[in-house]
């Protein structure tokens, strides 16, 4: 069966009828050449200020042509303002669904956050497990970002609002490993050069071999909030930092990782940079040459690339995925 190429775009503040900020989700499908709008999803019980997908999670099932509402998920211990549904992720085989509630209380810790795991029994989704950081504190908002490896062995949960020492909003990320039945906390990732307001953990992605953590507000030298992405490698026991970091303006919010390739999307300029993993070093295999040569630093190493002197240093980069031992950074208008 040929796989369909589909992506979803949320519009949580959209007005539906007279309901201000009820929200909706757009589905686009690729016909082989272009992406075309296929369907709009709206909660049939939606209300004003609900920001569709932020207090409940709606499961839509594809009947071969359209997506129809199948089930509505609610946390069995949910309360007002918990923001259940803030982030979601689904396993590769569609057996497990991961849903964060950023402002859920844990014991006496207000807004510590939780991640709920639901399992599909073939008919409906049932709550299966709740993930909680074992060192969590008030206002951590555990679950800001979630990613699961393709074999479901690892989950990474970003907590960019976590305080590290005296550094407010430095951030951290938690890795959970599946023991065959449940996911247990295995490791905490923290940037050893982290600072106040870095928000390490704003974006996360994990494969069996690598884990990427975005730190969009990190400074680099004299460049304020340039942003960094930290790459950690699984050595069979723990995830170790393989690459100190690599730099390209602002790294923000969205990437996926498969094996050893990173694909990044930049918004305002057009060029592509490819990097390939040679054992433990990422080496330049292609770089852009536009109007004039301007040097900038990648991976805090001696690798340099040529880019336009008119580059907007506030552009956003999104890392899309890691696979096939290669990093691709691609820009589009």
C-alpha atoms as a PDB file:
ATOM      1  CA  UNK A   1       0.000   0.000   0.000  1.00  0.00           C
ATOM      2  CA  UNK A   2       1.356   3.407  -0.951  1.00  0.00           C
ATOM      3  CA  UNK A   3       1.944   5.671   2.021  1.00  0.00           C
ATOM      4  CA  UNK A   4       0.110   8.988   2.047  1.00  0.00           C
ATOM      5  CA  UNK A   5       2.095  12.111   2.859  1.00  0.00           C
ATOM      6  CA  UNK A   6       0.124  14.238   5.304  1.00  0.00           C
ATOM      7  CA  UNK A   7       0.910  17.025   7.727  1.00  0.00           C
ATOM      8  CA  UNK A   8      -1.208  18.973  10.191  1.00  0.00           C
ATOM      9  CA  UNK A   9      -1.129  22.640  11.130  1.00  0.00           C
ATOM     10  CA  UNK A  10      -2.851  23.847  14.267  1.00  0.00           C
ATOM     11  CA  UNK A  11      -4.642  27.167  14.554  1.00  0.00           C
ATOM     12  CA  UNK A  12      -5.507  27.276  18.269  1.00  0.00           C
ATOM     13  CA  UNK A  13      -6.755  30.872  18.293  1.00  0.00           C
ATOM     14  CA  UNK A  14      -9.116  30.570  15.331  1.00  0.00           C
ATOM     15  CA  UNK A  15     -12.656  31.860  15.794  1.00  0.00           C
ATOM     16  CA  UNK A  16     -15.397  29.317  15.006  1.00  0.00           C
ATOM     17  CA  UNK A  17     -18.770  30.957  14.528  1.00  0.00           C
ATOM     18  CA  UNK A  18     -19.234  33.129  17.595  1.00  0.00           C
ATOM     19  CA  UNK A  19     -16.636  31.193  19.629  1.00  0.00           C
ATOM     20  CA  UNK A  20     -13.515  33.343  19.957  1.00  0.00           C
ATOM     21  CA  UNK A  21     -10.273  31.307  20.074  1.00  0.00           C
ATOM     22  CA  UNK A  22     -12.030  27.937  19.809  1.00  0.00           C
ATOM     23  CA  UNK A  23      -9.335  26.725  17.423  1.00  0.00           C
ATOM     24  CA  UNK A  24      -9.066  24.331  14.517  1.00  0.00           C
ATOM     25  CA  UNK A  25      -6.542  22.044  12.756  1.00  0.00           C
ATOM     26  CA  UNK A  26      -5.814  21.986   9.018  1.00  0.00           C
ATOM     27  CA  UNK A  27      -4.824  18.781   7.211  1.00  0.00           C
ATOM     28  CA  UNK A  28      -2.713  18.985   4.049  1.00  0.00           C
ATOM     29  CA  UNK A  29      -1.944  16.092   1.700  1.00  0.00           C
ATOM     30  CA  UNK A  30       0.823  15.813  -0.881  1.00  0.00           C
ATOM     31  CA  UNK A  31      -0.285  14.773  -4.375  1.00  0.00           C
ATOM     32  CA  UNK A  32       3.265  14.064  -5.475  1.00  0.00           C
ATOM     33  CA  UNK A  33       3.993  17.642  -6.480  1.00  0.00           C
ATOM     34  CA  UNK A  34       2.161  20.073  -4.217  1.00  0.00           C
ATOM     35  CA  UNK A  35       0.612  20.204  -0.763  1.00  0.00           C
ATOM     36  CA  UNK A  36      -3.146  20.802  -0.888  1.00  0.00           C
ATOM     37  CA  UNK A  37      -5.584  21.459   1.926  1.00  0.00           C
ATOM     38  CA  UNK A  38      -7.535  18.259   2.484  1.00  0.00           C
ATOM     39  CA  UNK A  39      -9.676  18.838   5.556  1.00  0.00           C
ATOM     40  CA  UNK A  40     -10.282  21.074   8.576  1.00  0.00           C
ATOM     41  CA  UNK A  41     -10.769  19.452  11.979  1.00  0.00           C
ATOM     42  CA  UNK A  42     -12.987  21.176  14.536  1.00  0.00           C
ATOM     43  CA  UNK A  43     -14.105  19.896  17.922  1.00  0.00           C
ATOM     44  CA  UNK A  44     -17.814  19.147  17.798  1.00  0.00           C
ATOM     45  CA  UNK A  45     -18.107  20.173  21.450  1.00  0.00           C
ATOM     46  CA  UNK A  46     -15.779  23.161  21.140  1.00  0.00           C
ATOM     47  CA  UNK A  47     -16.274  26.311  23.163  1.00  0.00           C
ATOM     48  CA  UNK A  48     -14.864  29.833  23.312  1.00  0.00           C
ATOM     49  CA  UNK A  49     -11.248  30.208  24.505  1.00  0.00           C
ATOM     50  CA  UNK A  50     -10.744  26.446  24.291  1.00  0.00           C
ATOM     51  CA  UNK A  51      -7.727  26.651  21.933  1.00  0.00           C
ATOM     52  CA  UNK A  52      -8.532  23.299  20.288  1.00  0.00           C
ATOM     53  CA  UNK A  53      -6.158  20.631  21.572  1.00  0.00           C
ATOM     54  CA  UNK A  54      -5.141  22.322  24.812  1.00  0.00           C
ATOM     55  CA  UNK A  55      -7.606  20.942  27.379  1.00  0.00           C
ATOM     56  CA  UNK A  56      -8.684  17.691  25.741  1.00  0.00           C
ATOM     57  CA  UNK A  57      -7.156  15.471  23.081  1.00  0.00           C
ATOM     58  CA  UNK A  58      -9.327  14.502  20.142  1.00  0.00           C
ATOM     59  CA  UNK A  59      -8.570  11.293  18.233  1.00  0.00           C
ATOM     60  CA  UNK A  60      -9.526  11.370  14.551  1.00  0.00           C
ATOM     61  CA  UNK A  61      -9.362   8.206  12.451  1.00  0.00           C
ATOM     62  CA  UNK A  62      -8.876   8.114   8.703  1.00  0.00           C
ATOM     63  CA  UNK A  63     -11.517   6.168   6.783  1.00  0.00           C
ATOM     64  CA  UNK A  64      -9.453   6.225   3.610  1.00  0.00           C
ATOM     65  CA  UNK A  65     -10.739   9.608   2.523  1.00  0.00           C
ATOM     66  CA  UNK A  66     -11.431  11.811   5.546  1.00  0.00           C
ATOM     67  CA  UNK A  67     -10.663  11.959   9.253  1.00  0.00           C
ATOM     68  CA  UNK A  68     -13.627  11.341  11.534  1.00  0.00           C
ATOM     69  CA  UNK A  69     -13.786  11.917  15.282  1.00  0.00           C
ATOM     70  CA  UNK A  70     -13.138   8.598  17.020  1.00  0.00           C
ATOM     71  CA  UNK A  71     -12.590   9.418  20.701  1.00  0.00           C
ATOM     72  CA  UNK A  72     -11.984  12.272  23.156  1.00  0.00           C
ATOM     73  CA  UNK A  73      -9.255  11.723  25.745  1.00  0.00           C
ATOM     74  CA  UNK A  74      -9.302  13.326  29.188  1.00  0.00           C
ATOM     75  CA  UNK A  75      -6.868  12.726  32.063  1.00  0.00           C
ATOM     76  CA  UNK A  76      -8.503  10.626  34.783  1.00  0.00           C
ATOM     77  CA  UNK A  77      -7.088  12.972  37.430  1.00  0.00           C
ATOM     78  CA  UNK A  78      -7.405  16.134  35.370  1.00  0.00           C
ATOM     79  CA  UNK A  79      -8.351  19.456  36.911  1.00  0.00           C
ATOM     80  CA  UNK A  80      -9.047  22.989  35.775  1.00  0.00           C
ATOM     81  CA  UNK A  81      -6.068  24.856  34.265  1.00  0.00           C
ATOM     82  CA  UNK A  82      -3.896  21.732  33.971  1.00  0.00           C
ATOM     83  CA  UNK A  83      -3.597  22.357  30.192  1.00  0.00           C
ATOM     84  CA  UNK A  84      -3.874  18.672  29.272  1.00  0.00           C
ATOM     85  CA  UNK A  85      -2.953  18.367  25.594  1.00  0.00           C
ATOM     86  CA  UNK A  86      -0.230  21.033  25.551  1.00  0.00           C
ATOM     87  CA  UNK A  87       2.106  18.654  23.676  1.00  0.00           C
ATOM     88  CA  UNK A  88       1.418  15.316  22.028  1.00  0.00           C
ATOM     89  CA  UNK A  89       3.455  12.541  20.418  1.00  0.00           C
ATOM     90  CA  UNK A  90       2.477   9.162  19.029  1.00  0.00           C
ATOM     91  CA  UNK A  91       4.549   6.005  18.694  1.00  0.00           C
ATOM     92  CA  UNK A  92       5.620   4.804  15.270  1.00  0.00           C
ATOM     93  CA  UNK A  93       3.229   1.840  15.394  1.00  0.00           C
ATOM     94  CA  UNK A  94       0.342   3.990  16.720  1.00  0.00           C
ATOM     95  CA  UNK A  95       0.097   1.865  19.872  1.00  0.00           C
ATOM     96  CA  UNK A  96       0.911   4.594  22.381  1.00  0.00           C
ATOM     97  CA  UNK A  97       0.021   8.257  22.665  1.00  0.00           C
ATOM     98  CA  UNK A  98       1.886  10.717  24.900  1.00  0.00           C
ATOM     99  CA  UNK A  99       0.080  13.833  26.149  1.00  0.00           C
ATOM    100  CA  UNK A 100       1.460  16.517  28.443  1.00  0.00           C
ATOM    101  CA  UNK A 101      -0.387  18.563  31.026  1.00  0.00           C
ATOM    102  CA  UNK A 102       2.049  21.412  31.630  1.00  0.00           C
ATOM    103  CA  UNK A 103       0.321  22.904  34.634  1.00  0.00           C
ATOM    104  CA  UNK A 104      -0.663  19.721  36.430  1.00  0.00           C
ATOM    105  CA  UNK A 105       0.118  19.751  40.142  1.00  0.00           C
ATOM    106  CA  UNK A 106       2.240  17.001  41.664  1.00  0.00           C
ATOM    107  CA  UNK A 107       1.842  16.729  45.409  1.00  0.00           C
ATOM    108  CA  UNK A 108       2.388  20.219  46.770  1.00  0.00           C
ATOM    109  CA  UNK A 109       4.198  21.359  43.605  1.00  0.00           C
ATOM    110  CA  UNK A 110       1.909  23.568  41.553  1.00  0.00           C
ATOM    111  CA  UNK A 111       2.420  23.537  37.775  1.00  0.00           C
ATOM    112  CA  UNK A 112       5.111  20.842  37.936  1.00  0.00           C
ATOM    113  CA  UNK A 113       3.603  19.046  34.950  1.00  0.00           C
ATOM    114  CA  UNK A 114       2.918  15.469  33.907  1.00  0.00           C
ATOM    115  CA  UNK A 115       2.942  13.358  30.748  1.00  0.00           C
ATOM    116  CA  UNK A 116       0.087  10.893  30.285  1.00  0.00           C
ATOM    117  CA  UNK A 117       0.506   7.731  28.222  1.00  0.00           C
ATOM    118  CA  UNK A 118      -2.520   6.167  26.514  1.00  0.00           C
ATOM    119  CA  UNK A 119      -2.500   2.726  24.898  1.00  0.00           C
ATOM    120  CA  UNK A 120      -4.589   1.648  21.917  1.00  0.00           C
ATOM    121  CA  UNK A 121      -6.222  -1.747  22.461  1.00  0.00           C
ATOM    122  CA  UNK A 122      -7.354  -1.929  18.844  1.00  0.00           C
ATOM    123  CA  UNK A 123     -10.685  -0.281  19.532  1.00  0.00           C
ATOM    124  CA  UNK A 124     -10.212   2.616  21.948  1.00  0.00           C
ATOM    125  CA  UNK A 125      -7.419   4.433  23.805  1.00  0.00           C
ATOM    126  CA  UNK A 126      -7.049   3.822  27.563  1.00  0.00           C
ATOM    127  CA  UNK A 127      -4.845   5.637  30.053  1.00  0.00           C
ATOM    128  CA  UNK A 128      -1.808   3.438  30.663  1.00  0.00           C
ATOM    129  CA  UNK A 129       0.841   5.343  32.628  1.00  0.00           C
ATOM    130  CA  UNK A 130       1.744   8.806  33.979  1.00  0.00           C
ATOM    131  CA  UNK A 131       5.300  10.136  33.726  1.00  0.00           C
ATOM    132  CA  UNK A 132       6.520  12.507  36.447  1.00  0.00           C
ATOM    133  CA  UNK A 133      10.027  13.893  36.954  1.00  0.00           C
ATOM    134  CA  UNK A 134      11.462  12.414  40.145  1.00  0.00           C
ATOM    135  CA  UNK A 135      13.165  15.720  40.999  1.00  0.00           C
ATOM    136  CA  UNK A 136      10.396  17.977  39.699  1.00  0.00           C
ATOM    137  CA  UNK A 137       9.615  21.354  41.239  1.00  0.00           C
ATOM    138  CA  UNK A 138       6.817  23.889  41.127  1.00  0.00           C
ATOM    139  CA  UNK A 139       6.470  25.770  37.820  1.00  0.00           C
ATOM    140  CA  UNK A 140       8.757  23.352  35.915  1.00  0.00           C
ATOM    141  CA  UNK A 141       5.986  22.666  33.367  1.00  0.00           C
ATOM    142  CA  UNK A 142       7.318  19.192  32.597  1.00  0.00           C
ATOM    143  CA  UNK A 143       6.205  18.134  29.104  1.00  0.00           C
ATOM    144  CA  UNK A 144       6.717  21.336  27.113  1.00  0.00           C
ATOM    145  CA  UNK A 145       8.100  19.108  24.334  1.00  0.00           C
ATOM    146  CA  UNK A 146       7.916  15.335  23.817  1.00  0.00           C
ATOM    147  CA  UNK A 147       9.548  12.906  21.402  1.00  0.00           C
ATOM    148  CA  UNK A 148       9.581   9.106  21.173  1.00  0.00           C
ATOM    149  CA  UNK A 149      12.106   6.960  19.326  1.00  0.00           C
ATOM    150  CA  UNK A 150      10.891   4.948  16.340  1.00  0.00           C
ATOM    151  CA  UNK A 151      11.134   1.652  18.259  1.00  0.00           C
ATOM    152  CA  UNK A 152       9.411   3.209  21.325  1.00  0.00           C
ATOM    153  CA  UNK A 153      12.370   2.321  23.549  1.00  0.00           C
ATOM    154  CA  UNK A 154      13.091   5.926  24.566  1.00  0.00           C
ATOM    155  CA  UNK A 155      11.048   9.016  25.364  1.00  0.00           C
ATOM    156  CA  UNK A 156      12.577  12.445  25.850  1.00  0.00           C
ATOM    157  CA  UNK A 157      10.636  15.162  27.670  1.00  0.00           C
ATOM    158  CA  UNK A 158      11.733  18.800  27.550  1.00  0.00           C
ATOM    159  CA  UNK A 159      11.430  21.096  30.561  1.00  0.00           C
ATOM    160  CA  UNK A 160      12.722  24.503  29.410  1.00  0.00           C
ATOM    161  CA  UNK A 161      11.347  26.350  32.450  1.00  0.00           C
ATOM    162  CA  UNK A 162      13.328  24.293  34.959  1.00  0.00           C
ATOM    163  CA  UNK A 163      15.675  26.141  37.284  1.00  0.00           C
ATOM    164  CA  UNK A 164      19.218  24.749  37.455  1.00  0.00           C
ATOM    165  CA  UNK A 165      21.089  25.948  40.519  1.00  0.00           C
ATOM    166  CA  UNK A 166      20.609  29.700  40.564  1.00  0.00           C
ATOM    167  CA  UNK A 167      19.773  29.831  36.834  1.00  0.00           C
ATOM    168  CA  UNK A 168      16.053  30.383  36.270  1.00  0.00           C
ATOM    169  CA  UNK A 169      14.696  29.015  32.967  1.00  0.00           C
ATOM    170  CA  UNK A 170      17.973  27.275  32.108  1.00  0.00           C
ATOM    171  CA  UNK A 171      16.034  24.100  31.351  1.00  0.00           C
ATOM    172  CA  UNK A 172      16.660  20.376  31.259  1.00  0.00           C
ATOM    173  CA  UNK A 173      15.404  17.242  29.505  1.00  0.00           C
ATOM    174  CA  UNK A 174      14.483  13.820  30.860  1.00  0.00           C
ATOM    175  CA  UNK A 175      14.993  10.491  29.106  1.00  0.00           C
ATOM    176  CA  UNK A 176      12.698   7.572  29.937  1.00  0.00           C
ATOM    177  CA  UNK A 177      13.441   4.009  28.823  1.00  0.00           C
ATOM    178  CA  UNK A 178      10.961   1.192  28.282  1.00  0.00           C
ATOM    179  CA  UNK A 179      11.638  -1.956  30.313  1.00  0.00           C
ATOM    180  CA  UNK A 180       9.283  -4.038  28.196  1.00  0.00           C
ATOM    181  CA  UNK A 181       6.180  -2.900  30.031  1.00  0.00           C
ATOM    182  CA  UNK A 182       6.556   0.653  31.342  1.00  0.00           C
ATOM    183  CA  UNK A 183       8.764   3.693  30.792  1.00  0.00           C
ATOM    184  CA  UNK A 184      11.085   4.554  33.682  1.00  0.00           C
ATOM    185  CA  UNK A 185      13.217   7.654  34.187  1.00  0.00           C
ATOM    186  CA  UNK A 186      16.737   6.861  33.030  1.00  0.00           C
ATOM    187  CA  UNK A 187      18.680  10.087  32.696  1.00  0.00           C
ATOM    188  CA  UNK A 188      18.535  13.876  33.015  1.00  0.00           C
ATOM    189  CA  UNK A 189      20.231  15.974  30.331  1.00  0.00           C
ATOM    190  CA  UNK A 190      21.544  19.422  31.298  1.00  0.00           C
ATOM    191  CA  UNK A 191      23.795  21.763  29.328  1.00  0.00           C
ATOM    192  CA  UNK A 192      27.052  22.111  31.264  1.00  0.00           C
ATOM    193  CA  UNK A 193      27.487  25.616  29.827  1.00  0.00           C
ATOM    194  CA  UNK A 194      23.853  26.540  30.471  1.00  0.00           C
ATOM    195  CA  UNK A 195      22.790  29.976  31.659  1.00  0.00           C
ATOM    196  CA  UNK A 196      19.705  31.778  32.896  1.00  0.00           C
ATOM    197  CA  UNK A 197      16.896  31.998  30.292  1.00  0.00           C
ATOM    198  CA  UNK A 198      18.482  29.507  27.847  1.00  0.00           C
ATOM    199  CA  UNK A 199      15.273  27.411  27.873  1.00  0.00           C
ATOM    200  CA  UNK A 200      17.168  24.214  27.049  1.00  0.00           C
ATOM    201  CA  UNK A 201      14.486  21.626  26.206  1.00  0.00           C
ATOM    202  CA  UNK A 202      12.183  23.897  24.209  1.00  0.00           C
ATOM    203  CA  UNK A 203      12.453  21.388  21.375  1.00  0.00           C
ATOM    204  CA  UNK A 204      13.492  17.748  21.603  1.00  0.00           C
ATOM    205  CA  UNK A 205      13.879  14.751  19.359  1.00  0.00           C
ATOM    206  CA  UNK A 206      15.184  11.247  19.971  1.00  0.00           C
ATOM    207  CA  UNK A 207      16.129   8.157  17.995  1.00  0.00           C
ATOM    208  CA  UNK A 208      17.640   4.902  19.232  1.00  0.00           C
ATOM    209  CA  UNK A 209      21.128   6.409  18.830  1.00  0.00           C
ATOM    210  CA  UNK A 210      20.834  10.178  19.195  1.00  0.00           C
ATOM    211  CA  UNK A 211      18.987  12.799  21.182  1.00  0.00           C
ATOM    212  CA  UNK A 212      18.741  16.458  20.126  1.00  0.00           C
ATOM    213  CA  UNK A 213      17.864  19.248  22.535  1.00  0.00           C
ATOM    214  CA  UNK A 214      17.109  22.784  21.399  1.00  0.00           C
ATOM    215  CA  UNK A 215      18.200  25.758  23.504  1.00  0.00           C
ATOM    216  CA  UNK A 216      16.806  28.743  21.566  1.00  0.00           C
ATOM    217  CA  UNK A 217      17.883  31.534  23.907  1.00  0.00           C
ATOM    218  CA  UNK A 218      21.495  30.472  24.431  1.00  0.00           C
ATOM    219  CA  UNK A 219      24.152  33.106  23.879  1.00  0.00           C
ATOM    220  CA  UNK A 220      27.226  32.435  21.788  1.00  0.00           C
ATOM    221  CA  UNK A 221      30.144  34.747  22.374  1.00  0.00           C
ATOM    222  CA  UNK A 222      28.867  38.290  21.983  1.00  0.00           C
ATOM    223  CA  UNK A 223      25.764  37.187  20.051  1.00  0.00           C
ATOM    224  CA  UNK A 224      22.767  37.438  22.349  1.00  0.00           C
ATOM    225  CA  UNK A 225      20.212  34.593  22.147  1.00  0.00           C
ATOM    226  CA  UNK A 226      21.799  33.081  19.047  1.00  0.00           C
ATOM    227  CA  UNK A 227      20.573  29.634  20.066  1.00  0.00           C
ATOM    228  CA  UNK A 228      22.158  26.194  20.186  1.00  0.00           C
ATOM    229  CA  UNK A 229      21.243  22.578  19.570  1.00  0.00           C
ATOM    230  CA  UNK A 230      22.953  19.946  21.688  1.00  0.00           C
ATOM    231  CA  UNK A 231      23.447  16.449  20.262  1.00  0.00           C
ATOM    232  CA  UNK A 232      23.757  13.486  22.643  1.00  0.00           C
ATOM    233  CA  UNK A 233      24.777   9.984  21.544  1.00  0.00           C
ATOM    234  CA  UNK A 234      23.627   6.743  23.169  1.00  0.00           C
ATOM    235  CA  UNK A 235      26.695   4.715  24.144  1.00  0.00           C
ATOM    236  CA  UNK A 236      24.581   1.729  25.139  1.00  0.00           C
ATOM    237  CA  UNK A 237      24.240   2.853  28.731  1.00  0.00           C
ATOM    238  CA  UNK A 238      23.621   6.600  28.788  1.00  0.00           C
ATOM    239  CA  UNK A 239      23.297   9.475  26.347  1.00  0.00           C
ATOM    240  CA  UNK A 240      26.606  11.357  26.182  1.00  0.00           C
ATOM    241  CA  UNK A 241      27.165  14.696  24.513  1.00  0.00           C
ATOM    242  CA  UNK A 242      28.733  13.845  21.159  1.00  0.00           C
ATOM    243  CA  UNK A 243      28.894  17.348  19.746  1.00  0.00           C
ATOM    244  CA  UNK A 244      29.280  20.310  22.042  1.00  0.00           C
ATOM    245  CA  UNK A 245      26.810  22.315  20.014  1.00  0.00           C
ATOM    246  CA  UNK A 246      26.361  23.735  16.603  1.00  0.00           C
ATOM    247  CA  UNK A 247      25.351  27.251  15.764  1.00  0.00           C
ATOM    248  CA  UNK A 248      23.225  28.850  13.082  1.00  0.00           C
ATOM    249  CA  UNK A 249      21.359  31.903  14.290  1.00  0.00           C
ATOM    250  CA  UNK A 250      18.169  31.017  16.228  1.00  0.00           C
ATOM    251  CA  UNK A 251      17.426  27.324  16.708  1.00  0.00           C
ATOM    252  CA  UNK A 252      13.761  27.013  17.579  1.00  0.00           C
ATOM    253  CA  UNK A 253      11.139  24.546  18.597  1.00  0.00           C
ATOM    254  CA  UNK A 254      10.771  21.810  15.984  1.00  0.00           C
ATOM    255  CA  UNK A 255      12.871  18.919  14.851  1.00  0.00           C
ATOM    256  CA  UNK A 256      12.778  15.167  14.484  1.00  0.00           C
ATOM    257  CA  UNK A 257      15.678  12.799  14.560  1.00  0.00           C
ATOM    258  CA  UNK A 258      16.182   9.480  12.822  1.00  0.00           C
ATOM    259  CA  UNK A 259      19.554   7.769  13.058  1.00  0.00           C
ATOM    260  CA  UNK A 260      22.348  10.141  12.116  1.00  0.00           C
ATOM    261  CA  UNK A 261      20.993  12.839   9.814  1.00  0.00           C
ATOM    262  CA  UNK A 262      19.738  16.306  10.683  1.00  0.00           C
ATOM    263  CA  UNK A 263      17.505  18.204   8.283  1.00  0.00           C
ATOM    264  CA  UNK A 264      16.927  21.826   9.223  1.00  0.00           C
ATOM    265  CA  UNK A 265      14.590  24.358   7.701  1.00  0.00           C
ATOM    266  CA  UNK A 266      15.311  28.096   7.770  1.00  0.00           C
ATOM    267  CA  UNK A 267      12.654  30.567   6.800  1.00  0.00           C
ATOM    268  CA  UNK A 268      13.889  33.718   5.125  1.00  0.00           C
ATOM    269  CA  UNK A 269      16.755  32.781   2.817  1.00  0.00           C
ATOM    270  CA  UNK A 270      17.382  29.989   0.358  1.00  0.00           C
ATOM    271  CA  UNK A 271      20.359  27.692   0.594  1.00  0.00           C
ATOM    272  CA  UNK A 272      21.264  24.219   1.728  1.00  0.00           C
ATOM    273  CA  UNK A 273      24.081  23.006   3.936  1.00  0.00           C
ATOM    274  CA  UNK A 274      24.813  19.300   4.275  1.00  0.00           C
ATOM    275  CA  UNK A 275      26.826  17.669   7.033  1.00  0.00           C
ATOM    276  CA  UNK A 276      27.729  14.007   7.318  1.00  0.00           C
ATOM    277  CA  UNK A 277      28.610  12.008  10.410  1.00  0.00           C
ATOM    278  CA  UNK A 278      32.036  10.410  10.093  1.00  0.00           C
ATOM    279  CA  UNK A 279      32.184   8.241  13.213  1.00  0.00           C
ATOM    280  CA  UNK A 280      32.060  11.001  15.841  1.00  0.00           C
ATOM    281  CA  UNK A 281      32.783  14.119  13.777  1.00  0.00           C
ATOM    282  CA  UNK A 282      30.292  15.958  11.606  1.00  0.00           C
ATOM    283  CA  UNK A 283      32.096  16.994   8.422  1.00  0.00           C
ATOM    284  CA  UNK A 284      31.004  19.506   5.806  1.00  0.00           C
ATOM    285  CA  UNK A 285      30.054  17.862   2.499  1.00  0.00           C
ATOM    286  CA  UNK A 286      28.207  20.763   0.859  1.00  0.00           C
ATOM    287  CA  UNK A 287      27.873  24.457   1.599  1.00  0.00           C
ATOM    288  CA  UNK A 288      26.052  27.394   0.002  1.00  0.00           C
ATOM    289  CA  UNK A 289      27.660  30.165  -1.973  1.00  0.00           C
ATOM    290  CA  UNK A 290      25.365  33.107  -2.596  1.00  0.00           C
ATOM    291  CA  UNK A 291      26.145  36.790  -3.189  1.00  0.00           C
ATOM    292  CA  UNK A 292      29.339  37.108  -1.215  1.00  0.00           C
ATOM    293  CA  UNK A 293      31.472  35.137   1.184  1.00  0.00           C
ATOM    294  CA  UNK A 294      30.750  35.559   4.868  1.00  0.00           C
ATOM    295  CA  UNK A 295      32.220  33.155   7.374  1.00  0.00           C
ATOM    296  CA  UNK A 296      30.289  31.818  10.317  1.00  0.00           C
ATOM    297  CA  UNK A 297      30.947  28.980  12.705  1.00  0.00           C
ATOM    298  CA  UNK A 298      29.241  25.587  12.755  1.00  0.00           C
ATOM    299  CA  UNK A 299      29.508  23.108  15.630  1.00  0.00           C
ATOM    300  CA  UNK A 300      32.012  25.319  17.479  1.00  0.00           C
ATOM    301  CA  UNK A 301      34.688  23.806  15.242  1.00  0.00           C
ATOM    302  CA  UNK A 302      36.939  24.861  12.393  1.00  0.00           C
ATOM    303  CA  UNK A 303      34.269  24.154   9.785  1.00  0.00           C
ATOM    304  CA  UNK A 304      33.073  27.270   7.977  1.00  0.00           C
ATOM    305  CA  UNK A 305      30.563  27.892   5.219  1.00  0.00           C
ATOM    306  CA  UNK A 306      29.892  30.699   2.755  1.00  0.00           C
ATOM    307  CA  UNK A 307      26.577  32.537   3.048  1.00  0.00           C
ATOM    308  CA  UNK A 308      25.044  35.752   1.832  1.00  0.00           C
ATOM    309  CA  UNK A 309      26.110  38.947   3.521  1.00  0.00           C
ATOM    310  CA  UNK A 310      22.435  39.941   3.586  1.00  0.00           C
ATOM    311  CA  UNK A 311      21.427  37.131   5.922  1.00  0.00           C
ATOM    312  CA  UNK A 312      18.937  38.094   8.619  1.00  0.00           C
ATOM    313  CA  UNK A 313      20.493  36.909  11.881  1.00  0.00           C
ATOM    314  CA  UNK A 314      17.070  36.672  13.503  1.00  0.00           C
ATOM    315  CA  UNK A 315      15.785  33.946  11.179  1.00  0.00           C
ATOM    316  CA  UNK A 316      14.451  30.759  12.681  1.00  0.00           C
ATOM    317  CA  UNK A 317      15.856  27.300  12.061  1.00  0.00           C
ATOM    318  CA  UNK A 318      13.838  24.153  12.456  1.00  0.00           C
ATOM    319  CA  UNK A 319      15.623  20.810  12.567  1.00  0.00           C
ATOM    320  CA  UNK A 320      13.418  18.304  10.822  1.00  0.00           C
ATOM    321  CA  UNK A 321      15.082  14.928  11.189  1.00  0.00           C
ATOM    322  CA  UNK A 322      18.195  12.813  11.544  1.00  0.00           C
ATOM    323  CA  UNK A 323      18.727   9.820   9.262  1.00  0.00           C
ATOM    324  CA  UNK A 324      21.291   8.181   6.991  1.00  0.00           C
ATOM    325  CA  UNK A 325      24.350   9.754   8.644  1.00  0.00           C
ATOM    326  CA  UNK A 326      23.750  13.200   7.219  1.00  0.00           C
ATOM    327  CA  UNK A 327      22.773  16.687   8.347  1.00  0.00           C
ATOM    328  CA  UNK A 328      20.843  18.817   5.876  1.00  0.00           C
ATOM    329  CA  UNK A 329      20.050  22.451   6.607  1.00  0.00           C
ATOM    330  CA  UNK A 330      17.608  23.761   4.035  1.00  0.00           C
ATOM    331  CA  UNK A 331      16.041  27.178   3.677  1.00  0.00           C
ATOM    332  CA  UNK A 332      12.915  28.317   1.897  1.00  0.00           C
ATOM    333  CA  UNK A 333      11.095  31.612   1.511  1.00  0.00           C
END
